[in-house]
Amino acid sequence: MKIISITWNSYIPTLRKAANDLSIELEAHYSKILEDNPEEAEKVLLACEHADAVFLYYTSTPFWEDFYEKLEPLKKEGTCNLCRE
C-alpha cells in the first residue's frame, strides 16, 4: 500500500514511524513547502494518481482550496481514497 500525506512538518516523523512499523510505503510532504512552490505541488498531485490513499491535514488557506479541488477527480474516479483531517 502506498500513502501520500500532506501535513504540517511536525506530523511527518510520527507518520513515517507508523508507516515503517506497518510496512506501508509513505511519501510525506510538508504543506508549507507545497504552498510556496507550485511546481512541487503539481508533482505531488501527479503522484497522488498512483497512491492507494492520500492523507491531508487540511487548513483553511487558498492553497488547500485549490489543491483539494484538483484532487476531486481522483476521488470520483475511485483512483484513491482521500482522508482529510
Protein backbone atom coordinates (compact mmCIF):
# COMPACT_ATOMS: atom_id res chain seq x y z
CA MET A 1 0.00 0.00 0.00
CA LYS A 2 1.20 3.50 -0.84
CA ILE A 3 0.04 6.57 1.05
CA ILE A 4 0.84 10.18 0.25
CA SER A 5 0.49 12.60 3.12
CA ILE A 6 0.46 16.37 3.08
CA THR A 7 0.65 17.70 6.60
CA TRP A 8 2.41 20.09 8.89
CA ASN A 9 6.09 19.32 9.22
CA SER A 10 5.75 18.29 12.89
CA TYR A 11 3.47 15.36 11.92
CA ILE A 12 5.83 13.79 9.41
CA PRO A 13 8.13 11.89 11.83
CA THR A 14 5.15 10.22 13.54
CA LEU A 15 3.57 9.29 10.22
CA ARG A 16 6.87 7.88 8.96
CA LYS A 17 7.34 5.77 12.09
CA ALA A 18 3.81 4.40 11.89
CA ALA A 19 4.19 3.61 8.18
CA ASN A 20 7.50 1.90 8.80
CA ASP A 21 6.06 -0.16 11.68
CA LEU A 22 3.19 -1.28 9.43
CA SER A 23 5.33 -1.80 6.30
CA ILE A 24 3.41 0.84 4.40
CA GLU A 25 5.07 2.96 1.73
CA LEU A 26 4.69 6.60 2.71
CA GLU A 27 5.53 9.70 0.71
CA ALA A 28 5.26 12.58 3.19
CA HIS A 29 5.17 16.24 2.21
CA TYR A 30 5.23 19.42 4.27
CA SER A 31 2.27 21.55 3.25
CA LYS A 32 4.11 24.88 3.63
CA ILE A 33 6.71 23.84 1.03
CA LEU A 34 3.94 22.97 -1.41
CA GLU A 35 2.17 26.27 -0.72
CA ASP A 36 5.36 28.16 -1.58
CA ASN A 37 6.33 26.02 -4.56
CA PRO A 38 3.53 25.44 -7.11
CA GLU A 39 5.76 23.26 -9.31
CA GLU A 40 6.37 20.87 -6.42
CA ALA A 41 2.66 20.84 -5.62
CA GLU A 42 1.92 19.77 -9.20
CA LYS A 43 4.41 16.89 -8.88
CA VAL A 44 2.67 15.75 -5.72
CA LEU A 45 -0.71 15.91 -7.47
CA LEU A 46 0.63 13.62 -10.18
CA ALA A 47 2.00 11.23 -7.55
CA CYS A 48 -1.44 11.11 -5.89
CA GLU A 49 -2.78 9.42 -9.02
CA HIS A 50 -0.66 6.37 -8.16
CA ALA A 51 -1.36 6.27 -4.43
CA ASP A 52 -3.80 3.98 -2.67
CA ALA A 53 -4.66 6.73 -0.20
CA VAL A 54 -3.98 10.41 0.28
CA PHE A 55 -3.92 11.84 3.81
CA LEU A 56 -4.37 15.61 4.06
CA TYR A 57 -4.05 17.84 7.07
CA TYR A 58 -6.32 20.45 5.57
CA THR A 59 -6.27 24.07 6.73
CA SER A 60 -8.36 27.00 5.55
CA THR A 61 -5.96 28.65 3.12
CA PRO A 62 -6.36 29.38 -0.58
CA PHE A 63 -3.70 26.74 -1.35
CA TRP A 64 -5.80 24.00 0.21
CA GLU A 65 -9.00 25.05 -1.52
CA ASP A 66 -7.25 24.83 -4.89
CA PHE A 67 -5.29 21.66 -4.11
CA TYR A 68 -8.31 19.75 -2.79
CA GLU A 69 -10.36 20.78 -5.81
CA LYS A 70 -7.66 19.33 -8.09
CA LEU A 71 -7.84 16.03 -6.18
CA GLU A 72 -11.60 15.69 -6.63
CA PRO A 73 -11.35 13.85 -10.00
CA LEU A 74 -9.27 11.14 -8.32
CA LYS A 75 -11.94 10.69 -5.70
CA LYS A 76 -14.71 10.48 -8.29
CA GLU A 77 -12.76 8.00 -10.43
CA GLY A 78 -12.09 5.84 -7.40
CA THR A 79 -8.37 6.11 -8.12
CA CYS A 80 -7.53 6.71 -4.47
CA ASN A 81 -9.13 7.34 -1.10
CA LEU A 82 -8.87 10.83 0.33
CA CYS A 83 -8.56 11.27 4.08
CA ARG A 84 -8.98 14.87 5.13
CA GLU A 85 -8.31 15.82 8.76
